[in-house]
Amino acid sequence: MDALDVARWQFGVTTVYHFLFVPLTIGLSVLVAILQTLWHRTGNERYLKLTKFYGKLFLINFAMGVVTGIVQEFQFGMNWSDYSRFVGDIFGAPLAIEALVAFFLESTFIGLWIFGWDRLPKRAHLASIWAAAIGTNLSAYFILAANSFMQNPVGFRINPDSGRAELTDFPAVLTNKVALITFPHTLAGSFLVAGALVVAVGLWHVIRNRDSADTGAYRFATKFGSWVVLVSATLVAITGDIQGKIMTEVQPMKMAAAEGLYTTESPASFSVLTIGSLDGSREVFALKIPYLLSYLGTGDPNGTVHGINDLQAQYASQYGAGSYTPIIPVTYWSFRFMIAFGMAAAAIALLVLWSQRKGRTPSSKWLLRAGLAMPVLPLLANSFGWIFTEMGRQPWIVFGEMLTRDGVSRSVSLAEVLTSFTAFTLIYATLAVIEVKLLLRYAKAGVPDVSDQPPTDDTDDAERPLAFAY
């Protein structure tokens, strides 16, 4: 083990941990805004209760996401200084816009929304949560644009004197074909996570508190969340299909590694299950669906999909001697876990809707257990999706331009990286306990009493005291 191995583990652990909060923040911000819009238009008290209830869970998650996200940028300088020097000119623009525009928009209007319940006019307060939601989604786009450069470098040139990548076409970076499809795919996955949380919490109260005066609100939440999950799952599948075709075009090795396809095939079959040799160099046994991989990768049932061994030979000739093959079991199974967990969440959402058909009230303990597992399933799907995306690019840190081993900080020792890795892991473990306890505590508390609700007119009383919503 050397500093490179530990630096990769540290970045992987902190990134995956941070991304546990990101999709919930992205999705829940919009769902809370929708709930408040329903209250604004109808005046129905149950929508106000649900807005404040899920808004509280959103704020807890948002705070944790901010804390864990700060570490990500520090790591570029600490453990990946050579990489930072190489892509700094490219990453500087989208990440600066993300911080100065998107994040400031998000954080400013979240503050107005929190403290403005009894202070701001009703429409202005509603606009605040929508502005925060838009800022959250914009933030995701600029970060994904930066990440997409690592997958498909565009809009740059290599300075022959410094060896650095220099930005030549910023619009090309923002309109990278990988970014344009990764963004809606990520948003759909985020709504899948948020919808699942809405379902889980609402279903728990419907089954455990059947005689509650707020049962109607919880029933609406379960139906609302279930439809969000089903629509999101459909969009995840559609955008994922498009993303797979673009991935086959710009990163053919990643597609081959996802399928355990060792030899070029035309047409190519989709692998339901493949067992390879211990060294990952050949296929031993496979259960396949004919023509499906060709369609997924090229849009043509008879299209050609290049295999791992052929691509390895091509890259060795193009870039020099070495292995250009990712860890096949990791890419193969993370790809399948991503799909399986997402489909499982959608299946439970369908079951929840079925259990409430014609006004019925669900009561099954098995359904409750399945519902409580719902938030975890899309989180796992998102996590495995990112593991596949980043591990499938290996050994490149910037595909075709810079190897991962060349991006690590040369002056950082193994002991130093181990120390920071251990410290961050312990801190994140502590934050995880705090996050889960807070979410469970406030989720179990149920919707708040809104008898002393905000004014329904749009007048701005200067004498009205500043109030905190929760």
Protein backbone atom coordinates (compact mmCIF):
# COMPACT_ATOMS: atom_id res chain seq x y z
CA MET A 1 0.00 0.00 0.00
CA ASP A 2 1.28 3.48 -0.87
CA ALA A 3 0.02 7.05 -0.64
CA LEU A 4 -1.83 6.72 -3.96
CA ASP A 5 -3.93 3.79 -2.70
CA VAL A 6 -4.90 5.53 0.55
CA ALA A 7 -5.59 8.83 -1.24
CA ARG A 8 -7.96 7.02 -3.60
CA TRP A 9 -9.70 5.32 -0.68
CA GLN A 10 -10.03 8.59 1.17
CA PHE A 11 -11.49 10.41 -1.80
CA GLY A 12 -13.84 7.50 -2.50
CA VAL A 13 -15.10 7.25 1.08
CA THR A 14 -15.62 11.00 1.56
CA THR A 15 -17.22 11.42 -1.87
CA VAL A 16 -19.68 8.56 -1.46
CA TYR A 17 -20.52 9.73 2.06
CA HIS A 18 -21.10 13.29 0.87
CA PHE A 19 -23.30 12.05 -1.94
CA LEU A 20 -25.61 10.37 0.54
CA PHE A 21 -26.85 13.90 1.35
CA VAL A 22 -26.72 15.49 -2.10
CA PRO A 23 -29.59 13.66 -3.89
CA LEU A 24 -31.92 14.06 -0.91
CA THR A 25 -31.18 17.79 -0.77
CA ILE A 26 -31.71 18.23 -4.52
CA GLY A 27 -34.95 16.29 -4.64
CA LEU A 28 -36.48 17.32 -1.32
CA SER A 29 -35.97 21.03 -2.01
CA VAL A 30 -38.28 20.80 -5.02
CA LEU A 31 -40.82 18.54 -3.29
CA VAL A 32 -41.07 20.92 -0.34
CA ALA A 33 -41.54 23.80 -2.78
CA ILE A 34 -44.34 21.86 -4.51
CA LEU A 35 -46.06 21.18 -1.18
CA GLN A 36 -45.90 24.85 -0.22
CA THR A 37 -47.24 25.79 -3.66
CA LEU A 38 -50.21 23.47 -3.07
CA TRP A 39 -50.88 25.21 0.24
CA HIS A 40 -50.52 28.61 -1.42
CA ARG A 41 -53.06 27.75 -4.11
CA THR A 42 -55.59 25.79 -2.04
CA GLY A 43 -55.23 27.07 1.51
CA ASN A 44 -55.53 23.44 2.70
CA GLU A 45 -53.87 23.13 6.09
CA ARG A 46 -52.52 19.63 5.45
CA TYR A 47 -50.18 20.97 2.77
CA LEU A 48 -48.82 23.55 5.20
CA LYS A 49 -48.21 20.82 7.79
CA LEU A 50 -46.40 18.65 5.24
CA THR A 51 -44.37 21.62 4.02
CA LYS A 52 -43.06 22.36 7.49
CA PHE A 53 -42.66 18.68 8.35
CA TYR A 54 -40.58 17.67 5.32
CA GLY A 55 -38.97 21.10 5.25
CA LYS A 56 -37.45 20.34 8.64
CA LEU A 57 -35.99 17.07 7.34
CA PHE A 58 -34.68 18.93 4.30
CA LEU A 59 -32.88 21.50 6.46
CA ILE A 60 -31.22 18.84 8.60
CA ASN A 61 -29.94 17.08 5.51
CA PHE A 62 -28.87 20.33 3.85
CA ALA A 63 -26.76 21.33 6.86
CA MET A 64 -24.98 17.97 6.89
CA GLY A 65 -24.41 18.12 3.15
CA VAL A 66 -22.69 21.50 3.41
CA VAL A 67 -20.38 20.29 6.18
CA THR A 68 -19.34 17.13 4.36
CA GLY A 69 -19.00 18.88 0.99
CA ILE A 70 -16.36 21.34 2.16
CA VAL A 71 -13.85 18.49 2.57
CA GLN A 72 -14.12 17.55 -1.09
CA GLU A 73 -12.36 20.65 -2.36
CA PHE A 74 -9.71 20.49 0.36
CA GLN A 75 -8.72 17.04 -0.86
CA PHE A 76 -7.79 18.35 -4.30
CA GLY A 77 -5.05 20.43 -2.72
CA MET A 78 -4.05 17.97 -0.02
CA ASN A 79 -3.80 14.65 -1.86
CA TRP A 80 -4.19 15.53 -5.55
CA SER A 81 -2.05 18.62 -6.10
CA ASP A 82 -0.62 17.46 -9.45
CA TYR A 83 -4.15 16.82 -10.68
CA SER A 84 -5.26 20.23 -9.37
CA ARG A 85 -2.46 21.94 -11.28
CA PHE A 86 -3.38 20.05 -14.44
CA VAL A 87 -7.13 20.84 -14.44
CA GLY A 88 -7.19 23.98 -12.31
CA ASP A 89 -7.75 26.27 -15.29
CA ILE A 90 -10.70 24.11 -16.43
CA PHE A 91 -12.30 23.46 -13.04
CA GLY A 92 -11.88 27.04 -11.81
CA ALA A 93 -14.70 28.49 -13.91
CA PRO A 94 -17.58 26.06 -13.24
CA LEU A 95 -16.71 25.60 -9.57
CA ALA A 96 -16.39 29.35 -9.04
CA ILE A 97 -19.79 29.93 -10.65
CA GLU A 98 -21.23 27.12 -8.54
CA ALA A 99 -19.98 28.77 -5.35
CA LEU A 100 -20.65 32.41 -6.22
CA VAL A 101 -23.99 32.03 -7.96
CA ALA A 102 -25.69 28.70 -7.31
CA PHE A 103 -24.62 28.08 -3.70
CA PHE A 104 -25.11 31.72 -2.65
CA LEU A 105 -28.56 31.69 -4.26
CA GLU A 106 -29.36 28.46 -2.46
CA SER A 107 -28.08 29.42 0.98
CA THR A 108 -29.42 33.00 0.92
CA PHE A 109 -32.96 32.04 0.03
CA ILE A 110 -32.98 29.08 2.41
CA GLY A 111 -32.24 31.63 5.16
CA LEU A 112 -35.09 33.81 3.98
CA TRP A 113 -37.40 30.82 3.87
CA ILE A 114 -36.46 29.63 7.37
CA PHE A 115 -36.90 32.98 9.09
CA GLY A 116 -39.52 34.50 6.83
CA TRP A 117 -42.67 32.56 7.73
CA ASP A 118 -44.16 35.40 9.80
CA ARG A 119 -42.23 38.20 8.16
CA LEU A 120 -42.31 37.91 4.37
CA PRO A 121 -45.42 38.26 2.23
CA LYS A 122 -46.85 34.88 1.35
CA ARG A 123 -45.81 35.00 -2.30
CA ALA A 124 -42.31 36.23 -1.51
CA HIS A 125 -41.89 33.44 1.01
CA LEU A 126 -43.01 30.86 -1.55
CA ALA A 127 -40.60 32.36 -4.08
CA SER A 128 -37.79 31.90 -1.53
CA ILE A 129 -38.08 28.12 -1.39
CA TRP A 130 -38.32 27.94 -5.19
CA ALA A 131 -35.21 30.11 -5.52
CA ALA A 132 -33.39 27.84 -3.07
CA ALA A 133 -34.49 24.77 -5.03
CA ILE A 134 -33.33 26.32 -8.32
CA GLY A 135 -29.99 27.20 -6.72
CA THR A 136 -29.59 23.63 -5.50
CA ASN A 137 -30.18 22.23 -8.96
CA LEU A 138 -27.91 24.79 -10.64
CA SER A 139 -25.21 23.87 -8.17
CA ALA A 140 -25.51 20.25 -9.27
CA TYR A 141 -25.15 21.20 -12.93
CA PHE A 142 -21.89 23.13 -12.55
CA ILE A 143 -20.34 20.36 -10.44
CA LEU A 144 -21.43 17.73 -12.95
CA ALA A 145 -20.00 19.84 -15.78
CA ALA A 146 -16.63 19.75 -14.02
CA ASN A 147 -16.87 16.00 -13.45
CA SER A 148 -17.92 15.42 -17.06
CA PHE A 149 -14.64 16.97 -18.20
CA MET A 150 -12.91 14.08 -16.45
CA GLN A 151 -15.07 11.63 -18.40
CA ASN A 152 -14.91 13.42 -21.77
CA PRO A 153 -12.38 16.29 -21.93
CA VAL A 154 -13.53 19.12 -24.23
CA GLY A 155 -12.89 22.84 -24.71
CA PHE A 156 -9.19 22.84 -23.79
CA ARG A 157 -5.64 22.64 -25.04
CA ILE A 158 -2.47 21.32 -23.45
CA ASN A 159 0.15 23.99 -22.86
CA PRO A 160 3.39 22.40 -24.15
CA ASP A 161 5.53 24.46 -21.77
CA SER A 162 3.65 23.88 -18.50
CA GLY A 163 1.92 20.60 -19.38
CA ARG A 164 -1.35 22.02 -18.00
CA ALA A 165 -4.79 21.86 -19.53
CA GLU A 166 -5.93 25.38 -20.44
CA LEU A 167 -9.52 26.42 -21.04
CA THR A 168 -10.21 27.51 -24.63
CA ASP A 169 -13.99 27.08 -24.92
CA PHE A 170 -16.03 27.48 -21.73
CA PRO A 171 -19.41 26.93 -23.46
CA ALA A 172 -18.04 23.60 -24.72
CA VAL A 173 -17.32 22.56 -21.13
CA LEU A 174 -20.83 23.53 -20.03
CA THR A 175 -22.45 21.79 -23.01
CA ASN A 176 -20.33 18.65 -22.83
CA LYS A 177 -22.52 15.80 -24.13
CA VAL A 178 -21.73 13.82 -20.97
CA ALA A 179 -22.87 16.70 -18.73
CA LEU A 180 -26.06 17.26 -20.70
CA ILE A 181 -27.26 13.72 -20.03
CA THR A 182 -25.64 13.17 -16.63
CA PHE A 183 -27.51 16.17 -15.20
CA PRO A 184 -31.08 14.93 -15.89
CA HIS A 185 -30.02 11.40 -14.92
CA THR A 186 -28.71 12.68 -11.59
CA LEU A 187 -31.80 14.80 -11.00
CA ALA A 188 -34.08 11.83 -11.67
CA GLY A 189 -32.04 9.76 -9.21
CA SER A 190 -32.30 12.56 -6.65
CA PHE A 191 -36.09 12.73 -6.91
CA LEU A 192 -36.13 8.96 -6.52
CA VAL A 193 -34.35 9.34 -3.18
CA ALA A 194 -36.52 12.24 -2.00
CA GLY A 195 -39.76 10.55 -3.02
CA ALA A 196 -38.72 7.40 -1.20
CA LEU A 197 -38.14 9.35 2.03
CA VAL A 198 -41.55 11.02 1.72
CA VAL A 199 -43.17 7.60 1.26
CA ALA A 200 -41.31 5.95 4.13
CA VAL A 201 -42.13 8.60 6.71
CA GLY A 202 -45.73 9.00 5.59
CA LEU A 203 -46.33 5.24 5.50
CA TRP A 204 -44.90 4.79 9.00
CA HIS A 205 -47.39 7.31 10.39
CA VAL A 206 -50.30 5.90 8.37
CA ILE A 207 -49.77 2.39 9.74
CA ARG A 208 -48.57 3.21 13.27
CA ASN A 209 -50.94 6.14 13.94
CA ARG A 210 -54.12 5.01 12.23
CA ASP A 211 -56.39 7.12 14.45
CA SER A 212 -54.37 10.32 14.17
CA ALA A 213 -56.16 13.50 13.11
CA ASP A 214 -53.40 13.95 10.53
CA THR A 215 -53.87 10.58 8.83
CA GLY A 216 -55.21 12.34 5.73
CA ALA A 217 -52.00 14.34 5.41
CA TYR A 218 -49.87 11.23 5.77
CA ARG A 219 -51.95 9.32 3.23
CA PHE A 220 -51.46 12.13 0.74
CA ALA A 221 -47.71 12.09 1.46
CA THR A 222 -47.44 8.36 0.73
CA LYS A 223 -49.34 8.71 -2.55
CA PHE A 224 -47.45 11.84 -3.55
CA GLY A 225 -44.09 10.26 -2.75
CA SER A 226 -44.98 7.00 -4.50
CA TRP A 227 -45.86 8.79 -7.73
CA VAL A 228 -42.64 10.79 -7.49
CA VAL A 229 -40.70 7.52 -7.14
CA LEU A 230 -42.44 5.87 -10.09
CA VAL A 231 -42.05 8.87 -12.42
CA SER A 232 -38.44 9.34 -11.32
CA ALA A 233 -37.63 5.65 -11.87
CA THR A 234 -39.02 5.92 -15.40
CA LEU A 235 -36.90 9.01 -16.08
CA VAL A 236 -33.84 7.31 -14.60
CA ALA A 237 -34.30 4.43 -17.05
CA ILE A 238 -34.80 6.75 -20.05
CA THR A 239 -31.85 9.03 -19.26
CA GLY A 240 -29.73 6.02 -18.28
CA ASP A 241 -30.35 4.48 -21.68
CA ILE A 242 -29.17 7.67 -23.42
CA GLN A 243 -26.22 7.93 -21.06
CA GLY A 244 -25.22 4.35 -21.88
CA LYS A 245 -25.06 5.17 -25.59
CA ILE A 246 -22.94 8.27 -24.97
CA MET A 247 -20.71 6.29 -22.62
CA THR A 248 -20.16 3.66 -25.32
CA GLU A 249 -19.12 6.45 -27.68
CA VAL A 250 -16.70 8.36 -25.41
CA GLN A 251 -15.59 5.63 -22.96
CA PRO A 252 -16.01 2.25 -24.68
CA MET A 253 -13.88 0.51 -22.05
CA LYS A 254 -16.36 1.52 -19.34
CA MET A 255 -19.25 -0.08 -21.22
CA ALA A 256 -17.24 -3.24 -21.86
CA ALA A 257 -16.27 -3.40 -18.17
CA ALA A 258 -19.89 -2.86 -17.11
CA GLU A 259 -20.91 -5.93 -19.09
CA GLY A 260 -17.85 -8.11 -18.61
CA LEU A 261 -17.52 -8.19 -22.40
CA TYR A 262 -14.01 -9.44 -23.18
CA THR A 263 -14.23 -9.81 -26.95
CA THR A 264 -15.77 -7.50 -29.52
CA GLU A 265 -19.24 -8.65 -30.56
CA SER A 266 -21.70 -7.65 -33.27
CA PRO A 267 -24.43 -8.11 -32.24
CA ALA A 268 -23.59 -8.07 -28.54
CA SER A 269 -25.64 -9.76 -25.82
CA PHE A 270 -26.47 -8.24 -22.43
CA SER A 271 -24.96 -10.18 -19.55
CA VAL A 272 -27.43 -11.07 -16.81
CA LEU A 273 -24.63 -12.93 -15.01
CA THR A 274 -20.98 -13.35 -15.99
CA ILE A 275 -18.29 -15.23 -14.11
CA GLY A 276 -14.76 -14.35 -15.19
CA SER A 277 -11.32 -15.79 -14.52
CA LEU A 278 -9.55 -14.77 -11.31
CA ASP A 279 -7.25 -12.40 -13.18
CA GLY A 280 -10.25 -10.81 -14.92
CA SER A 281 -8.89 -11.50 -18.39
CA ARG A 282 -11.54 -13.81 -19.81
CA GLU A 283 -15.10 -15.03 -19.46
CA VAL A 284 -15.73 -18.44 -17.83
CA PHE A 285 -19.54 -18.56 -17.75
CA ALA A 286 -22.24 -16.12 -18.83
CA LEU A 287 -26.04 -15.91 -18.92
CA LYS A 288 -26.99 -13.45 -21.68
CA ILE A 289 -29.88 -11.76 -23.48
CA PRO A 290 -29.14 -11.63 -27.23
CA TYR A 291 -28.96 -8.25 -29.04
CA LEU A 292 -29.76 -6.20 -25.91
CA LEU A 293 -26.25 -4.85 -25.26
CA SER A 294 -25.90 -3.72 -28.87
CA TYR A 295 -29.14 -1.77 -28.55
CA LEU A 296 -28.22 -0.29 -25.17
CA GLY A 297 -24.78 0.74 -26.39
CA THR A 298 -25.45 1.85 -29.94
CA GLY A 299 -29.21 2.03 -30.48
CA ASP A 300 -28.89 -0.71 -33.10
CA PRO A 301 -29.70 -4.34 -32.15
CA ASN A 302 -26.90 -5.41 -34.50
CA GLY A 303 -24.42 -2.71 -33.45
CA THR A 304 -20.80 -3.45 -32.58
CA VAL A 305 -19.64 -3.21 -28.97
CA HIS A 306 -15.89 -3.42 -28.44
CA GLY A 307 -14.55 -5.88 -25.89
CA ILE A 308 -12.12 -5.39 -23.01
CA ASN A 309 -9.19 -7.27 -24.56
CA ASP A 310 -9.43 -5.48 -27.90
CA LEU A 311 -9.67 -2.07 -26.22
CA GLN A 312 -6.73 -2.88 -23.95
CA ALA A 313 -4.60 -3.65 -26.99
CA GLN A 314 -5.77 -0.45 -28.70
CA TYR A 315 -5.03 1.76 -25.68
CA ALA A 316 -1.61 0.15 -25.10
CA SER A 317 -0.73 1.00 -28.69
CA GLN A 318 -2.15 4.52 -28.40
CA TYR A 319 -0.99 5.58 -24.92
CA GLY A 320 1.93 3.27 -24.20
CA ALA A 321 2.48 0.04 -22.31
CA GLY A 322 0.36 -0.59 -19.22
CA SER A 323 -3.03 -1.80 -18.07
CA TYR A 324 -6.00 0.33 -19.13
CA THR A 325 -8.61 -2.04 -17.72
CA PRO A 326 -10.63 -1.11 -14.61
CA ILE A 327 -11.39 -3.63 -11.88
CA ILE A 328 -13.98 -5.71 -13.73
CA PRO A 329 -15.88 -7.20 -10.74
CA VAL A 330 -16.35 -3.70 -9.28
CA THR A 331 -17.70 -2.17 -12.50
CA TYR A 332 -19.77 -5.24 -13.37
CA TRP A 333 -21.54 -5.58 -10.03
CA SER A 334 -21.84 -1.87 -9.19
CA PHE A 335 -23.65 -1.40 -12.51
CA ARG A 336 -26.11 -4.16 -11.64
CA PHE A 337 -26.59 -3.09 -8.03
CA MET A 338 -27.38 0.41 -9.28
CA ILE A 339 -30.17 -0.94 -11.47
CA ALA A 340 -31.46 -3.51 -8.97
CA PHE A 341 -31.82 -1.15 -6.01
CA GLY A 342 -33.56 1.47 -8.12
CA MET A 343 -36.04 -1.08 -9.48
CA ALA A 344 -36.70 -2.40 -5.97
CA ALA A 345 -37.63 1.11 -4.75
CA ALA A 346 -40.02 1.53 -7.68
CA ALA A 347 -41.62 -1.86 -6.97
CA ILE A 348 -42.26 -0.94 -3.33
CA ALA A 349 -43.77 2.40 -4.39
CA LEU A 350 -46.15 0.55 -6.70
CA LEU A 351 -47.08 -1.78 -3.85
CA VAL A 352 -47.77 1.20 -1.56
CA LEU A 353 -50.11 2.73 -4.13
CA TRP A 354 -51.88 -0.60 -4.59
CA SER A 355 -52.37 -0.94 -0.82
CA GLN A 356 -54.26 2.39 -0.74
CA ARG A 357 -56.52 1.80 -3.71
CA LYS A 358 -60.18 2.83 -3.30
CA GLY A 359 -59.48 4.59 -0.02
CA ARG A 360 -58.04 1.58 1.80
CA THR A 361 -55.64 2.10 4.68
CA PRO A 362 -52.51 -0.13 4.55
CA SER A 363 -51.86 -2.16 7.68
CA SER A 364 -49.37 -4.87 6.71
CA LYS A 365 -46.23 -5.07 8.83
CA TRP A 366 -44.36 -6.44 5.83
CA LEU A 367 -45.37 -3.40 3.81
CA LEU A 368 -44.20 -1.16 6.64
CA ARG A 369 -40.81 -2.88 6.71
CA ALA A 370 -40.51 -2.60 2.95
CA GLY A 371 -41.51 1.06 3.13
CA LEU A 372 -38.91 1.81 5.79
CA ALA A 373 -36.25 0.29 3.51
CA MET A 374 -37.25 2.58 0.65
CA PRO A 375 -34.97 5.55 1.41
CA VAL A 376 -31.96 3.25 1.63
CA LEU A 377 -32.57 1.54 -1.71
CA PRO A 378 -32.25 4.58 -4.02
CA LEU A 379 -29.37 5.89 -1.91
CA LEU A 380 -27.56 2.62 -2.59
CA ALA A 381 -28.50 2.86 -6.26
CA ASN A 382 -27.05 6.39 -6.46
CA SER A 383 -23.89 5.38 -4.60
CA PHE A 384 -23.24 2.35 -6.77
CA GLY A 385 -23.92 4.49 -9.82
CA TRP A 386 -21.15 6.89 -8.84
CA ILE A 387 -18.81 4.04 -7.90
CA PHE A 388 -19.37 2.61 -11.37
CA THR A 389 -18.89 6.01 -13.04
CA GLU A 390 -15.61 6.77 -11.31
CA MET A 391 -14.15 3.26 -11.11
CA GLY A 392 -15.07 2.52 -14.71
CA ARG A 393 -12.89 5.47 -15.82
CA GLN A 394 -9.78 3.98 -14.20
CA PRO A 395 -6.83 4.08 -14.64
CA TRP A 396 -7.58 7.60 -15.95
CA ILE A 397 -8.28 10.56 -13.70
CA VAL A 398 -8.95 12.60 -16.87
CA PHE A 399 -9.83 10.15 -19.61
CA GLY A 400 -7.12 9.95 -22.25
CA GLU A 401 -5.16 12.86 -20.76
CA MET A 402 -3.93 12.04 -17.25
CA LEU A 403 -3.54 8.78 -15.34
CA THR A 404 -4.73 8.61 -11.73
CA ARG A 405 -1.25 7.71 -10.51
CA ASP A 406 0.09 10.95 -12.02
CA GLY A 407 -2.39 13.16 -10.19
CA VAL A 408 -1.48 12.35 -6.59
CA SER A 409 0.51 14.82 -4.45
CA ARG A 410 4.17 13.90 -4.56
CA SER A 411 5.08 15.61 -1.29
CA VAL A 412 2.42 13.91 0.84
CA SER A 413 3.60 10.80 2.65
CA LEU A 414 1.69 7.60 3.33
CA ALA A 415 1.56 8.44 7.05
CA GLU A 416 0.07 11.87 6.38
CA VAL A 417 -2.62 10.50 4.08
CA LEU A 418 -3.44 7.73 6.56
CA THR A 419 -3.77 10.31 9.33
CA SER A 420 -6.20 12.50 7.39
CA PHE A 421 -8.08 9.44 6.12
CA THR A 422 -8.56 8.13 9.65
CA ALA A 423 -9.57 11.54 11.00
CA PHE A 424 -12.11 12.20 8.24
CA THR A 425 -13.59 8.71 8.55
CA LEU A 426 -14.10 9.10 12.29
CA ILE A 427 -15.61 12.57 11.88
CA TYR A 428 -17.93 11.36 9.15
CA ALA A 429 -18.99 8.37 11.23
CA THR A 430 -19.91 10.76 14.06
CA LEU A 431 -21.84 12.99 11.68
CA ALA A 432 -23.67 9.95 10.31
CA VAL A 433 -24.91 9.05 13.79
CA ILE A 434 -26.04 12.63 14.38
CA GLU A 435 -27.79 12.81 11.01
CA VAL A 436 -29.69 9.55 11.47
CA LYS A 437 -30.74 10.40 15.03
CA LEU A 438 -31.99 13.85 14.02
CA LEU A 439 -33.92 12.55 11.03
CA LEU A 440 -35.50 9.74 13.07
CA ARG A 441 -36.36 12.06 15.94
CA TYR A 442 -38.14 14.64 13.82
CA ALA A 443 -39.69 12.09 11.47
CA LYS A 444 -41.30 10.30 14.41
CA ALA A 445 -42.55 13.59 15.87
CA GLY A 446 -44.96 13.98 12.99
CA VAL A 447 -46.42 17.05 11.35
CA PRO A 448 -46.43 20.24 13.46
CA ASP A 449 -49.38 22.14 14.85
CA VAL A 450 -50.08 25.02 12.47
CA SER A 451 -53.04 26.56 14.30
CA ASP A 452 -50.94 29.72 14.62
CA GLN A 453 -50.13 29.69 10.92
CA PRO A 454 -48.52 32.49 8.88
CA PRO A 455 -50.76 35.25 7.54
CA THR A 456 -52.57 34.46 4.32
CA ASP A 457 -52.44 37.99 2.91
CA ASP A 458 -49.54 39.57 1.08
CA THR A 459 -49.13 42.58 3.34
CA ASP A 460 -45.76 43.28 4.93
CA ASP A 461 -46.19 44.40 8.50
CA ALA A 462 -42.98 46.15 9.53
CA GLU A 463 -43.83 45.65 13.20
CA ARG A 464 -44.14 41.87 12.83
CA PRO A 465 -41.23 40.16 14.63
CA LEU A 466 -38.77 37.99 12.75
CA ALA A 467 -39.82 34.38 13.32
CA PHE A 468 -38.13 31.03 12.92
CA ALA A 469 -40.40 28.47 11.32
CA TYR A 470 -39.49 25.57 13.55
